[in-house]
Amino acid sequence: DIRLPEPAEFLGWGEEAVDLKGEWRRELVEKLPAEAKDKWDVPDLDDSGWQKIVAPGDDRQIFREKRRAPTIFRRTFELTDEQLARVKVGGKVWLYAWTLEMGGTTMEIAVNGQRLPAKTYPTHISWVVFEVGGLLRSGTNHVALRLPWGKLSYRVYLSPEAPRCYPDLGPEQNARWVDYCDFIAWLREDGQTSCALDASRQAVERMPVQPSLVQQLALIEIEA
């Protein structure tokens, strides 16, 4: 069998990555009490009354009460000594968040109470990356996301791999990317797309590693 790679595999997702999928607390920014609106990043903020949702992957995100509304996602996760050493092997750790939202929107994150500078998706880019190596610790960690459209549709993970774009993925990944694009193009021409493949194609179209989007990738600030 030939396995079709998923988009995240071209941006740091692999055996060394730590998946942050799990139970999140979720709430619309407009529903937060006034005193909590600017404390969404504080780990001990009382979010016990917020909606519980497993993300990514919970279909309730599709039927959320209000679309395209700023929303906070918060969760606590554990990092073992081995996991922390694995993702910090190069000194830096990259937190990737794929929301599959449209470009031109701004996302904020906080790790263990430390808020990072907001980043804006360039046009057609549906993911964002932050360098968080200095904020992580062995044991319990906390992450909070402020998402402009209120959905977390694809992967969120920690990776030791900095974002790179074609043709700088390395020989093997460059070849895989070309094959992947050719396969998607063949499906499009042959009319054999299913709903699942169409969703995958749309995600891939927003990937920055396509030659036509390389300049857009450069707009994403990556801490030196």
N, C-alpha and C. Protein backbone atom coordinates (compact mmCIF):
# COMPACT_ATOMS: atom_id res chain seq x y z
N ASP A 1 0.83 -1.20 0.00
CA ASP A 1 0.00 0.00 0.00
C ASP A 1 0.87 1.25 0.00
N ILE A 2 0.38 2.27 -0.66
CA ILE A 2 1.06 3.56 -0.68
C ILE A 2 0.34 4.48 0.29
N ARG A 3 1.08 5.00 1.24
CA ARG A 3 0.48 5.86 2.26
C ARG A 3 0.59 7.32 1.84
N LEU A 4 -0.55 8.02 1.86
CA LEU A 4 -0.56 9.45 1.55
C LEU A 4 -0.14 10.23 2.79
N PRO A 5 0.93 11.03 2.74
CA PRO A 5 1.33 11.80 3.92
C PRO A 5 0.31 12.89 4.23
N GLU A 6 0.28 13.30 5.47
CA GLU A 6 -0.60 14.40 5.84
C GLU A 6 0.18 15.71 5.82
N PRO A 7 -0.50 16.84 5.66
CA PRO A 7 0.21 18.12 5.53
C PRO A 7 1.20 18.42 6.64
N ALA A 8 0.84 18.07 7.90
CA ALA A 8 1.71 18.41 9.02
C ALA A 8 3.07 17.73 8.94
N GLU A 9 3.17 16.64 8.19
CA GLU A 9 4.45 15.94 8.08
C GLU A 9 5.50 16.78 7.36
N PHE A 10 5.08 17.82 6.68
CA PHE A 10 6.02 18.71 6.02
C PHE A 10 6.36 19.92 6.90
N LEU A 11 5.80 19.95 8.11
CA LEU A 11 6.07 21.04 9.04
C LEU A 11 6.23 20.49 10.46
N GLY A 12 7.25 19.68 10.65
CA GLY A 12 7.66 19.29 11.99
C GLY A 12 6.93 18.13 12.63
N TRP A 13 5.87 17.61 12.02
CA TRP A 13 5.15 16.50 12.62
C TRP A 13 5.84 15.18 12.29
N GLY A 14 6.10 14.37 13.32
CA GLY A 14 6.75 13.08 13.12
C GLY A 14 6.95 12.38 14.44
N GLU A 15 7.83 11.40 14.46
CA GLU A 15 8.04 10.59 15.66
C GLU A 15 8.55 11.40 16.84
N GLU A 16 9.28 12.47 16.58
CA GLU A 16 9.85 13.25 17.67
C GLU A 16 8.87 14.28 18.24
N ALA A 17 7.78 14.52 17.56
CA ALA A 17 6.82 15.53 17.99
C ALA A 17 5.99 15.04 19.18
N VAL A 18 5.49 15.98 19.97
CA VAL A 18 4.59 15.67 21.08
C VAL A 18 3.21 16.24 20.74
N ASP A 19 2.25 15.35 20.62
CA ASP A 19 0.89 15.73 20.24
C ASP A 19 0.17 16.39 21.42
N LEU A 20 -0.43 17.55 21.19
CA LEU A 20 -1.18 18.23 22.26
C LEU A 20 -2.68 18.05 22.11
N LYS A 21 -3.08 17.07 21.32
CA LYS A 21 -4.51 16.77 21.24
C LYS A 21 -4.99 16.26 22.59
N GLY A 22 -6.16 16.70 23.01
CA GLY A 22 -6.71 16.26 24.28
C GLY A 22 -7.90 17.10 24.66
N GLU A 23 -8.27 17.05 25.92
CA GLU A 23 -9.42 17.81 26.39
C GLU A 23 -9.03 19.26 26.67
N TRP A 24 -9.72 20.16 26.02
CA TRP A 24 -9.51 21.58 26.19
C TRP A 24 -10.74 22.20 26.85
N ARG A 25 -10.53 23.31 27.50
CA ARG A 25 -11.63 24.17 27.95
C ARG A 25 -11.78 25.29 26.93
N ARG A 26 -13.02 25.57 26.55
CA ARG A 26 -13.26 26.49 25.45
C ARG A 26 -14.35 27.49 25.83
N GLU A 27 -14.12 28.79 25.52
CA GLU A 27 -15.12 29.81 25.81
C GLU A 27 -14.96 30.99 24.85
N LEU A 28 -16.09 31.59 24.45
CA LEU A 28 -16.07 32.80 23.64
C LEU A 28 -15.52 33.95 24.46
N VAL A 29 -14.69 34.78 23.83
CA VAL A 29 -14.13 35.93 24.53
C VAL A 29 -15.24 36.86 25.01
N GLU A 30 -16.27 37.04 24.21
CA GLU A 30 -17.35 37.97 24.57
C GLU A 30 -18.15 37.50 25.77
N LYS A 31 -18.05 36.23 26.13
CA LYS A 31 -18.79 35.71 27.28
C LYS A 31 -17.96 35.74 28.57
N LEU A 32 -16.70 36.08 28.46
CA LEU A 32 -15.87 36.12 29.66
C LEU A 32 -16.23 37.31 30.53
N PRO A 33 -16.19 37.16 31.85
CA PRO A 33 -16.38 38.32 32.73
C PRO A 33 -15.31 39.37 32.44
N ALA A 34 -15.63 40.61 32.71
CA ALA A 34 -14.71 41.70 32.40
C ALA A 34 -13.33 41.48 33.02
N GLU A 35 -13.31 40.97 34.25
CA GLU A 35 -12.03 40.80 34.94
C GLU A 35 -11.21 39.65 34.36
N ALA A 36 -11.83 38.78 33.55
CA ALA A 36 -11.13 37.63 33.00
C ALA A 36 -10.70 37.82 31.55
N LYS A 37 -11.18 38.86 30.90
CA LYS A 37 -10.90 39.04 29.47
C LYS A 37 -9.41 39.19 29.18
N ASP A 38 -8.68 39.78 30.10
CA ASP A 38 -7.24 39.95 29.88
C ASP A 38 -6.42 38.96 30.71
N LYS A 39 -7.09 37.94 31.26
CA LYS A 39 -6.38 36.95 32.06
C LYS A 39 -6.52 35.55 31.47
N TRP A 40 -6.85 35.50 30.18
CA TRP A 40 -7.05 34.20 29.54
C TRP A 40 -5.80 33.33 29.55
N ASP A 41 -4.63 33.97 29.75
CA ASP A 41 -3.37 33.25 29.72
C ASP A 41 -2.92 32.77 31.10
N VAL A 42 -3.62 33.15 32.15
CA VAL A 42 -3.22 32.80 33.52
C VAL A 42 -3.60 31.35 33.82
N PRO A 43 -2.64 30.49 34.15
CA PRO A 43 -2.95 29.07 34.36
C PRO A 43 -4.03 28.80 35.40
N ASP A 44 -4.06 29.58 36.51
CA ASP A 44 -5.02 29.29 37.57
C ASP A 44 -6.35 30.04 37.39
N LEU A 45 -6.60 30.62 36.22
CA LEU A 45 -7.90 31.22 35.95
C LEU A 45 -8.98 30.14 36.07
N ASP A 46 -10.08 30.45 36.73
CA ASP A 46 -11.15 29.47 36.91
C ASP A 46 -11.91 29.29 35.60
N ASP A 47 -11.64 28.19 34.91
CA ASP A 47 -12.35 27.89 33.66
C ASP A 47 -13.22 26.64 33.80
N SER A 48 -13.55 26.31 35.04
CA SER A 48 -14.32 25.09 35.30
C SER A 48 -15.71 25.12 34.66
N GLY A 49 -16.23 26.32 34.42
CA GLY A 49 -17.55 26.42 33.81
C GLY A 49 -17.53 26.48 32.29
N TRP A 50 -16.33 26.42 31.70
CA TRP A 50 -16.22 26.48 30.25
C TRP A 50 -16.58 25.13 29.63
N GLN A 51 -16.88 25.16 28.35
CA GLN A 51 -17.18 23.93 27.62
C GLN A 51 -15.95 23.04 27.55
N LYS A 52 -16.15 21.74 27.77
CA LYS A 52 -15.09 20.76 27.57
C LYS A 52 -15.18 20.22 26.15
N ILE A 53 -14.04 20.18 25.48
CA ILE A 53 -14.05 19.71 24.10
C ILE A 53 -12.72 19.04 23.80
N VAL A 54 -12.77 17.91 23.12
CA VAL A 54 -11.56 17.24 22.68
C VAL A 54 -11.18 17.82 21.33
N ALA A 55 -10.01 18.41 21.27
CA ALA A 55 -9.59 19.06 20.03
C ALA A 55 -8.12 18.74 19.76
N PRO A 56 -7.80 18.60 18.49
CA PRO A 56 -8.72 18.61 17.34
C PRO A 56 -9.56 17.33 17.29
N GLY A 57 -10.65 17.39 16.51
CA GLY A 57 -11.42 16.19 16.23
C GLY A 57 -12.84 16.16 16.74
N ASP A 58 -13.27 17.15 17.53
CA ASP A 58 -14.63 17.15 18.05
C ASP A 58 -15.56 17.87 17.08
N ASP A 59 -16.57 17.16 16.59
CA ASP A 59 -17.49 17.73 15.60
C ASP A 59 -18.31 18.89 16.15
N ARG A 60 -18.35 19.03 17.48
CA ARG A 60 -19.14 20.14 18.03
C ARG A 60 -18.56 21.49 17.61
N GLN A 61 -17.31 21.51 17.19
CA GLN A 61 -16.74 22.76 16.71
C GLN A 61 -17.46 23.25 15.45
N ILE A 62 -17.97 22.31 14.67
CA ILE A 62 -18.69 22.69 13.44
C ILE A 62 -19.98 23.39 13.79
N PHE A 63 -20.61 22.95 14.88
CA PHE A 63 -21.93 23.49 15.27
C PHE A 63 -21.83 24.44 16.45
N ARG A 64 -20.71 25.15 16.55
CA ARG A 64 -20.52 26.08 17.66
C ARG A 64 -21.56 27.19 17.60
N GLU A 65 -21.84 27.77 18.77
CA GLU A 65 -22.95 28.71 18.88
C GLU A 65 -22.77 29.98 18.07
N LYS A 66 -21.52 30.36 17.83
CA LYS A 66 -21.27 31.57 17.06
C LYS A 66 -20.03 31.36 16.21
N ARG A 67 -20.15 31.60 14.92
CA ARG A 67 -19.04 31.38 14.00
C ARG A 67 -18.17 32.62 13.89
N ARG A 68 -16.89 32.38 13.63
CA ARG A 68 -15.93 33.46 13.43
C ARG A 68 -15.92 34.45 14.59
N ALA A 69 -15.94 33.91 15.78
CA ALA A 69 -15.91 34.74 16.99
C ALA A 69 -14.66 34.38 17.78
N PRO A 70 -13.91 35.37 18.28
CA PRO A 70 -12.71 35.07 19.07
C PRO A 70 -13.03 34.16 20.25
N THR A 71 -12.20 33.14 20.41
CA THR A 71 -12.47 32.09 21.40
C THR A 71 -11.15 31.69 22.06
N ILE A 72 -11.24 31.38 23.36
CA ILE A 72 -10.07 30.92 24.11
C ILE A 72 -10.13 29.40 24.25
N PHE A 73 -9.03 28.73 23.97
CA PHE A 73 -8.84 27.30 24.23
C PHE A 73 -7.73 27.17 25.26
N ARG A 74 -7.96 26.40 26.31
CA ARG A 74 -6.97 26.20 27.37
C ARG A 74 -6.89 24.73 27.75
N ARG A 75 -5.68 24.28 28.03
CA ARG A 75 -5.53 22.92 28.56
C ARG A 75 -4.22 22.77 29.29
N THR A 76 -4.20 21.80 30.20
CA THR A 76 -3.00 21.41 30.92
C THR A 76 -2.52 20.09 30.33
N PHE A 77 -1.21 19.95 30.19
CA PHE A 77 -0.66 18.71 29.66
C PHE A 77 0.62 18.36 30.40
N GLU A 78 1.00 17.11 30.32
CA GLU A 78 2.20 16.62 31.01
C GLU A 78 3.32 16.35 30.01
N LEU A 79 4.53 16.71 30.41
CA LEU A 79 5.72 16.38 29.63
C LEU A 79 6.65 15.56 30.50
N THR A 80 6.99 14.36 30.06
CA THR A 80 7.96 13.56 30.80
C THR A 80 9.37 14.11 30.53
N ASP A 81 10.31 13.70 31.35
CA ASP A 81 11.70 14.11 31.12
C ASP A 81 12.16 13.69 29.73
N GLU A 82 11.74 12.49 29.32
CA GLU A 82 12.16 11.98 28.01
C GLU A 82 11.55 12.81 26.88
N GLN A 83 10.27 13.17 27.00
CA GLN A 83 9.63 13.97 25.97
C GLN A 83 10.25 15.36 25.88
N LEU A 84 10.52 15.97 27.02
CA LEU A 84 11.11 17.30 27.02
C LEU A 84 12.50 17.27 26.38
N ALA A 85 13.29 16.26 26.73
CA ALA A 85 14.62 16.15 26.14
C ALA A 85 14.53 15.92 24.64
N ARG A 86 13.54 15.17 24.22
CA ARG A 86 13.38 14.84 22.79
C ARG A 86 13.06 16.08 21.97
N VAL A 87 12.12 16.91 22.46
CA VAL A 87 11.74 18.07 21.67
C VAL A 87 12.75 19.22 21.81
N LYS A 88 13.60 19.17 22.85
CA LYS A 88 14.59 20.23 23.05
C LYS A 88 15.97 19.81 22.56
N VAL A 89 16.04 18.75 21.78
CA VAL A 89 17.33 18.22 21.37
C VAL A 89 18.16 19.26 20.62
N GLY A 90 17.51 20.16 19.89
CA GLY A 90 18.24 21.18 19.16
C GLY A 90 18.31 22.51 19.88
N GLY A 91 17.77 22.56 21.10
CA GLY A 91 17.80 23.79 21.89
C GLY A 91 16.51 24.58 21.81
N LYS A 92 15.85 24.54 20.66
CA LYS A 92 14.59 25.25 20.50
C LYS A 92 13.44 24.26 20.32
N VAL A 93 12.25 24.70 20.74
CA VAL A 93 11.06 23.88 20.58
C VAL A 93 10.01 24.73 19.87
N TRP A 94 9.38 24.15 18.89
CA TRP A 94 8.41 24.88 18.08
C TRP A 94 7.01 24.34 18.35
N LEU A 95 6.11 25.23 18.69
CA LEU A 95 4.71 24.86 18.87
C LEU A 95 3.95 25.23 17.60
N TYR A 96 3.45 24.21 16.92
CA TYR A 96 2.67 24.40 15.70
C TYR A 96 1.19 24.28 16.02
N ALA A 97 0.39 25.17 15.49
CA ALA A 97 -1.07 25.10 15.65
C ALA A 97 -1.71 25.28 14.29
N TRP A 98 -2.42 24.26 13.86
CA TRP A 98 -3.14 24.28 12.59
C TRP A 98 -4.62 24.51 12.88
N THR A 99 -5.10 25.69 12.60
CA THR A 99 -6.52 25.97 12.83
C THR A 99 -7.35 25.79 11.57
N LEU A 100 -6.70 25.85 10.40
CA LEU A 100 -7.36 25.82 9.09
C LEU A 100 -8.28 27.01 8.90
N GLU A 101 -8.00 28.10 9.63
CA GLU A 101 -8.72 29.35 9.42
C GLU A 101 -8.11 30.08 8.24
N MET A 102 -8.84 31.03 7.69
CA MET A 102 -8.34 31.80 6.56
C MET A 102 -7.24 32.76 7.00
N GLY A 103 -6.46 33.23 6.04
CA GLY A 103 -5.38 34.15 6.33
C GLY A 103 -5.90 35.53 6.71
N GLY A 104 -4.97 36.34 7.21
CA GLY A 104 -5.32 37.69 7.59
C GLY A 104 -5.87 37.82 8.99
N THR A 105 -5.90 36.72 9.75
CA THR A 105 -6.39 36.75 11.12
C THR A 105 -5.21 36.59 12.08
N THR A 106 -5.40 37.03 13.31
CA THR A 106 -4.31 37.05 14.29
C THR A 106 -4.57 36.04 15.40
N MET A 107 -3.51 35.34 15.78
CA MET A 107 -3.59 34.33 16.83
C MET A 107 -2.61 34.66 17.94
N GLU A 108 -3.03 34.41 19.18
CA GLU A 108 -2.16 34.59 20.33
C GLU A 108 -2.07 33.29 21.10
N ILE A 109 -0.92 33.05 21.74
CA ILE A 109 -0.79 31.89 22.61
C ILE A 109 -0.05 32.29 23.88
N ALA A 110 -0.21 31.47 24.89
CA ALA A 110 0.53 31.63 26.14
C ALA A 110 0.91 30.24 26.63
N VAL A 111 2.12 30.11 27.12
CA VAL A 111 2.61 28.85 27.67
C VAL A 111 3.06 29.09 29.10
N ASN A 112 2.45 28.35 30.02
CA ASN A 112 2.77 28.49 31.45
C ASN A 112 2.68 29.94 31.91
N GLY A 113 1.65 30.62 31.44
CA GLY A 113 1.38 31.98 31.88
C GLY A 113 2.15 33.05 31.16
N GLN A 114 3.04 32.66 30.25
CA GLN A 114 3.84 33.63 29.51
C GLN A 114 3.23 33.85 28.13
N ARG A 115 2.69 35.04 27.92
CA ARG A 115 2.06 35.35 26.64
C ARG A 115 3.12 35.73 25.61
N LEU A 116 3.01 35.17 24.41
CA LEU A 116 3.96 35.47 23.34
C LEU A 116 3.36 36.52 22.41
N PRO A 117 4.20 37.25 21.69
CA PRO A 117 3.68 38.24 20.73
C PRO A 117 2.74 37.59 19.72
N ALA A 118 1.64 38.28 19.44
CA ALA A 118 0.65 37.76 18.50
C ALA A 118 1.25 37.62 17.11
N LYS A 119 0.70 36.69 16.35
CA LYS A 119 1.13 36.50 14.96
C LYS A 119 -0.09 36.47 14.05
N THR A 120 0.09 37.00 12.87
CA THR A 120 -1.00 37.05 11.89
C THR A 120 -0.71 36.07 10.76
N TYR A 121 -1.75 35.28 10.40
CA TYR A 121 -1.60 34.37 9.27
C TYR A 121 -1.49 35.18 7.98
N PRO A 122 -0.44 34.98 7.18
CA PRO A 122 -0.47 35.58 5.85
C PRO A 122 -1.62 34.98 5.04
N THR A 123 -1.95 35.60 3.94
CA THR A 123 -3.06 35.13 3.11
C THR A 123 -2.90 33.65 2.77
N HIS A 124 -3.96 32.90 2.98
CA HIS A 124 -4.06 31.47 2.64
C HIS A 124 -3.25 30.56 3.57
N ILE A 125 -2.58 31.11 4.59
CA ILE A 125 -1.85 30.26 5.52
C ILE A 125 -2.76 29.89 6.68
N SER A 126 -2.90 28.60 6.95
CA SER A 126 -3.86 28.17 7.97
C SER A 126 -3.17 27.56 9.18
N TRP A 127 -1.90 27.92 9.39
CA TRP A 127 -1.18 27.42 10.55
C TRP A 127 -0.27 28.54 11.06
N VAL A 128 0.20 28.39 12.28
CA VAL A 128 1.11 29.38 12.85
C VAL A 128 2.07 28.62 13.77
N VAL A 129 3.26 29.19 13.98
CA VAL A 129 4.28 28.51 14.78
C VAL A 129 4.92 29.51 15.73
N PHE A 130 5.19 29.04 16.95
CA PHE A 130 5.83 29.85 17.98
C PHE A 130 7.01 29.06 18.55
N GLU A 131 8.10 29.76 18.90
CA GLU A 131 9.22 29.09 19.57
C GLU A 131 9.00 29.20 21.07
N VAL A 132 8.91 28.03 21.74
CA VAL A 132 8.49 28.00 23.15
C VAL A 132 9.46 27.23 24.03
N GLY A 133 10.65 26.94 23.53
CA GLY A 133 11.57 26.08 24.27
C GLY A 133 11.90 26.58 25.67
N GLY A 134 12.02 27.88 25.84
CA GLY A 134 12.37 28.42 27.14
C GLY A 134 11.23 28.47 28.13
N LEU A 135 10.03 28.11 27.70
CA LEU A 135 8.85 28.20 28.56
C LEU A 135 8.37 26.85 29.08
N LEU A 136 8.88 25.78 28.50
CA LEU A 136 8.42 24.44 28.88
C LEU A 136 9.21 23.89 30.06
N ARG A 137 8.60 22.96 30.77
CA ARG A 137 9.27 22.32 31.89
C ARG A 137 8.81 20.86 31.98
N SER A 138 9.60 20.06 32.64
CA SER A 138 9.22 18.68 32.89
C SER A 138 8.07 18.65 33.89
N GLY A 139 7.06 17.82 33.60
CA GLY A 139 5.89 17.75 34.47
C GLY A 139 4.71 18.47 33.87
N THR A 140 3.98 19.21 34.70
CA THR A 140 2.75 19.86 34.28
C THR A 140 3.03 21.18 33.57
N ASN A 141 2.39 21.34 32.41
CA ASN A 141 2.48 22.57 31.63
C ASN A 141 1.08 23.03 31.26
N HIS A 142 0.97 24.31 30.95
CA HIS A 142 -0.33 24.88 30.58
C HIS A 142 -0.18 25.67 29.29
N VAL A 143 -1.14 25.50 28.40
CA VAL A 143 -1.14 26.25 27.14
C VAL A 143 -2.51 26.87 26.93
N ALA A 144 -2.53 28.10 26.44
CA ALA A 144 -3.78 28.79 26.13
C ALA A 144 -3.66 29.40 24.73
N LEU A 145 -4.72 29.28 23.95
CA LEU A 145 -4.76 29.80 22.60
C LEU A 145 -5.93 30.77 22.47
N ARG A 146 -5.69 31.90 21.85
CA ARG A 146 -6.77 32.84 21.52
C ARG A 146 -6.94 32.81 20.02
N LEU A 147 -8.02 32.15 19.57
CA LEU A 147 -8.25 31.90 18.15
C LEU A 147 -9.31 32.83 17.60
N PRO A 148 -9.06 33.51 16.50
CA PRO A 148 -10.00 34.51 15.99
C PRO A 148 -11.32 33.95 15.49
N TRP A 149 -11.32 32.70 14.98
CA TRP A 149 -12.55 32.13 14.44
C TRP A 149 -13.16 31.05 15.34
N GLY A 150 -12.49 30.74 16.42
CA GLY A 150 -13.10 29.86 17.40
C GLY A 150 -13.07 28.38 17.10
N LYS A 151 -12.17 27.93 16.22
CA LYS A 151 -12.11 26.49 15.97
C LYS A 151 -10.65 26.04 15.86
N LEU A 152 -10.42 24.82 16.28
CA LEU A 152 -9.10 24.20 16.24
C LEU A 152 -9.26 22.91 15.46
N SER A 153 -9.05 23.00 14.15
CA SER A 153 -9.51 21.94 13.26
C SER A 153 -8.50 20.85 12.96
N TYR A 154 -7.22 21.15 13.17
CA TYR A 154 -6.21 20.15 12.80
C TYR A 154 -5.22 20.02 13.95
N ARG A 155 -4.02 19.67 13.70
CA ARG A 155 -3.08 19.30 14.76
C ARG A 155 -2.51 20.49 15.54
N VAL A 156 -2.19 20.23 16.81
CA VAL A 156 -1.41 21.12 17.65
C VAL A 156 -0.32 20.25 18.27
N TYR A 157 0.96 20.66 18.15
CA TYR A 157 2.02 19.79 18.61
C TYR A 157 3.31 20.56 18.87
N LEU A 158 4.18 19.96 19.65
CA LEU A 158 5.52 20.47 19.91
C LEU A 158 6.50 19.70 19.04
N SER A 159 7.47 20.39 18.48
CA SER A 159 8.41 19.73 17.59
C SER A 159 9.79 20.35 17.73
N PRO A 160 10.84 19.54 17.57
CA PRO A 160 12.20 20.09 17.55
C PRO A 160 12.57 20.67 16.19
N GLU A 161 11.70 20.50 15.20
CA GLU A 161 12.01 20.93 13.83
C GLU A 161 11.48 22.33 13.56
N ALA A 162 12.36 23.23 13.16
CA ALA A 162 11.95 24.56 12.75
C ALA A 162 11.22 24.47 11.41
N PRO A 163 10.31 25.39 11.15
CA PRO A 163 9.58 25.35 9.87
C PRO A 163 10.51 25.62 8.69
N ARG A 164 10.35 24.79 7.66
CA ARG A 164 11.11 24.96 6.43
C ARG A 164 10.16 24.83 5.24
N CYS A 165 10.58 25.33 4.11
CA CYS A 165 9.71 25.25 2.94
C CYS A 165 10.45 24.62 1.76
N TYR A 166 9.68 24.08 0.85
CA TYR A 166 10.24 23.54 -0.38
C TYR A 166 10.94 24.66 -1.15
N PRO A 167 12.14 24.45 -1.65
CA PRO A 167 12.88 23.19 -1.83
C PRO A 167 13.93 22.94 -0.74
N ASP A 168 13.71 23.41 0.46
CA ASP A 168 14.68 23.25 1.55
C ASP A 168 14.24 22.23 2.59
N LEU A 169 13.45 21.26 2.18
CA LEU A 169 12.97 20.23 3.10
C LEU A 169 13.93 19.06 3.24
N GLY A 170 14.96 19.04 2.43
CA GLY A 170 15.86 17.89 2.37
C GLY A 170 15.46 17.00 1.20
N PRO A 171 16.38 16.21 0.67
CA PRO A 171 16.10 15.41 -0.53
C PRO A 171 14.86 14.52 -0.41
N GLU A 172 14.74 13.79 0.70
CA GLU A 172 13.62 12.86 0.83
C GLU A 172 12.29 13.59 0.94
N GLN A 173 12.22 14.61 1.79
CA GLN A 173 10.97 15.35 1.96
C GLN A 173 10.63 16.16 0.71
N ASN A 174 11.64 16.70 0.03
CA ASN A 174 11.36 17.39 -1.23
C ASN A 174 10.69 16.46 -2.22
N ALA A 175 11.21 15.23 -2.32
CA ALA A 175 10.63 14.25 -3.24
C ALA A 175 9.20 13.88 -2.83
N ARG A 176 8.99 13.71 -1.54
CA ARG A 176 7.64 13.38 -1.06
C ARG A 176 6.66 14.51 -1.36
N TRP A 177 7.12 15.76 -1.16
CA TRP A 177 6.25 16.91 -1.40
C TRP A 177 5.84 16.99 -2.87
N VAL A 178 6.81 16.80 -3.77
CA VAL A 178 6.52 16.84 -5.21
C VAL A 178 5.53 15.73 -5.57
N ASP A 179 5.76 14.52 -5.03
CA ASP A 179 4.83 13.42 -5.31
C ASP A 179 3.44 13.73 -4.76
N TYR A 180 3.41 14.31 -3.57
CA TYR A 180 2.12 14.64 -2.95
C TYR A 180 1.36 15.65 -3.80
N CYS A 181 2.05 16.71 -4.23
CA CYS A 181 1.38 17.72 -5.07
C CYS A 181 0.92 17.13 -6.39
N ASP A 182 1.75 16.27 -6.99
CA ASP A 182 1.37 15.64 -8.24
C ASP A 182 0.14 14.76 -8.06
N PHE A 183 0.09 14.04 -6.93
CA PHE A 183 -1.05 13.16 -6.68
C PHE A 183 -2.34 13.97 -6.50
N ILE A 184 -2.26 15.06 -5.74
CA ILE A 184 -3.42 15.90 -5.54
C ILE A 184 -3.86 16.52 -6.87
N ALA A 185 -2.89 16.94 -7.69
CA ALA A 185 -3.23 17.50 -8.99
C ALA A 185 -3.91 16.46 -9.87
N TRP A 186 -3.43 15.21 -9.80
CA TRP A 186 -4.04 14.13 -10.58
C TRP A 186 -5.48 13.88 -10.14
N LEU A 187 -5.69 13.87 -8.82
CA LEU A 187 -7.05 13.68 -8.31
C LEU A 187 -7.97 14.80 -8.81
N ARG A 188 -7.47 16.01 -8.79
CA ARG A 188 -8.27 17.15 -9.21
C ARG A 188 -8.64 17.04 -10.69
N GLU A 189 -7.67 16.66 -11.50
CA GLU A 189 -7.93 16.54 -12.93
C GLU A 189 -8.84 15.37 -13.24
N ASP A 190 -8.69 14.30 -12.47
CA ASP A 190 -9.45 13.08 -12.75
C ASP A 190 -10.82 13.09 -12.10
N GLY A 191 -11.09 14.09 -11.24
CA GLY A 191 -12.40 14.19 -10.61
C GLY A 191 -12.68 13.14 -9.58
N GLN A 192 -11.64 12.59 -8.94
CA GLN A 192 -11.83 11.51 -7.99
C GLN A 192 -11.73 11.98 -6.55
N THR A 193 -11.97 13.24 -6.28
CA THR A 193 -11.87 13.73 -4.91
C THR A 193 -13.10 13.33 -4.11
N SER A 194 -12.85 12.87 -2.92
CA SER A 194 -13.92 12.62 -1.96
C SER A 194 -13.94 13.78 -0.99
N CYS A 195 -14.91 13.80 -0.10
CA CYS A 195 -14.96 14.88 0.89
C CYS A 195 -13.68 14.92 1.72
N ALA A 196 -13.20 13.75 2.12
CA ALA A 196 -12.00 13.71 2.95
C ALA A 196 -10.78 14.21 2.18
N LEU A 197 -10.64 13.76 0.94
CA LEU A 197 -9.51 14.19 0.15
C LEU A 197 -9.60 15.66 -0.21
N ASP A 198 -10.82 16.13 -0.39
CA ASP A 198 -11.00 17.54 -0.71
C ASP A 198 -10.56 18.41 0.47
N ALA A 199 -10.91 17.96 1.68
CA ALA A 199 -10.49 18.70 2.87
C ALA A 199 -8.97 18.69 2.98
N SER A 200 -8.36 17.52 2.70
CA SER A 200 -6.91 17.45 2.74
C SER A 200 -6.30 18.36 1.69
N ARG A 201 -6.88 18.38 0.51
CA ARG A 201 -6.36 19.24 -0.56
C ARG A 201 -6.42 20.71 -0.17
N GLN A 202 -7.53 21.12 0.43
CA GLN A 202 -7.66 22.51 0.83
C GLN A 202 -6.59 22.88 1.86
N ALA A 203 -6.30 21.93 2.78
CA ALA A 203 -5.25 22.19 3.76
C ALA A 203 -3.90 22.32 3.08
N VAL A 204 -3.65 21.43 2.10
CA VAL A 204 -2.38 21.46 1.41
C VAL A 204 -2.23 22.74 0.60
N GLU A 205 -3.33 23.23 0.04
CA GLU A 205 -3.27 24.45 -0.76
C GLU A 205 -2.84 25.64 0.08
N ARG A 206 -3.05 25.54 1.39
CA ARG A 206 -2.66 26.63 2.28
C ARG A 206 -1.26 26.44 2.84
N MET A 207 -0.62 25.32 2.46
CA MET A 207 0.73 25.08 2.93
C MET A 207 1.70 26.07 2.30
N PRO A 208 2.68 26.54 3.08
CA PRO A 208 3.61 27.52 2.53
C PRO A 208 4.70 26.91 1.67
N VAL A 209 4.75 25.55 1.58
CA VAL A 209 5.85 24.96 0.86
C VAL A 209 5.59 24.87 -0.63
N GLN A 210 4.40 25.25 -1.10
CA GLN A 210 4.20 25.36 -2.52
C GLN A 210 5.01 26.54 -3.03
N PRO A 211 5.67 26.42 -4.17
CA PRO A 211 6.51 27.52 -4.66
C PRO A 211 5.80 28.85 -4.71
N SER A 212 4.51 28.87 -5.04
CA SER A 212 3.81 30.15 -5.15
C SER A 212 3.57 30.82 -3.81
N LEU A 213 3.82 30.09 -2.71
CA LEU A 213 3.56 30.65 -1.39
C LEU A 213 4.84 30.84 -0.57
N VAL A 214 5.98 30.62 -1.18
CA VAL A 214 7.23 30.74 -0.44
C VAL A 214 7.40 32.14 0.13
N GLN A 215 7.06 33.16 -0.65
CA GLN A 215 7.20 34.52 -0.16
C GLN A 215 6.28 34.78 1.01
N GLN A 216 5.10 34.14 1.04
CA GLN A 216 4.18 34.33 2.15
C GLN A 216 4.76 33.74 3.43
N LEU A 217 5.46 32.62 3.31
CA LEU A 217 6.07 32.02 4.49
C LEU A 217 7.06 32.98 5.12
N ALA A 218 7.75 33.74 4.30
CA ALA A 218 8.75 34.67 4.83
C ALA A 218 8.12 35.75 5.68
N LEU A 219 6.80 35.96 5.53
CA LEU A 219 6.13 36.99 6.32
C LEU A 219 5.91 36.55 7.75
N ILE A 220 6.00 35.23 8.01
CA ILE A 220 5.80 34.72 9.37
C ILE A 220 7.09 34.93 10.15
N GLU A 221 6.98 35.64 11.25
CA GLU A 221 8.16 35.93 12.06
C GLU A 221 8.55 34.69 12.83
N ILE A 222 9.81 34.29 12.67
CA ILE A 222 10.35 33.16 13.42
C ILE A 222 11.49 33.69 14.27
N GLU A 223 11.41 33.50 15.58
CA GLU A 223 12.42 34.04 16.45
C GLU A 223 13.80 33.45 16.11
N ALA A 224 14.77 34.29 16.01
CA ALA A 224 16.13 33.83 15.67
C ALA A 224 16.75 33.12 16.86
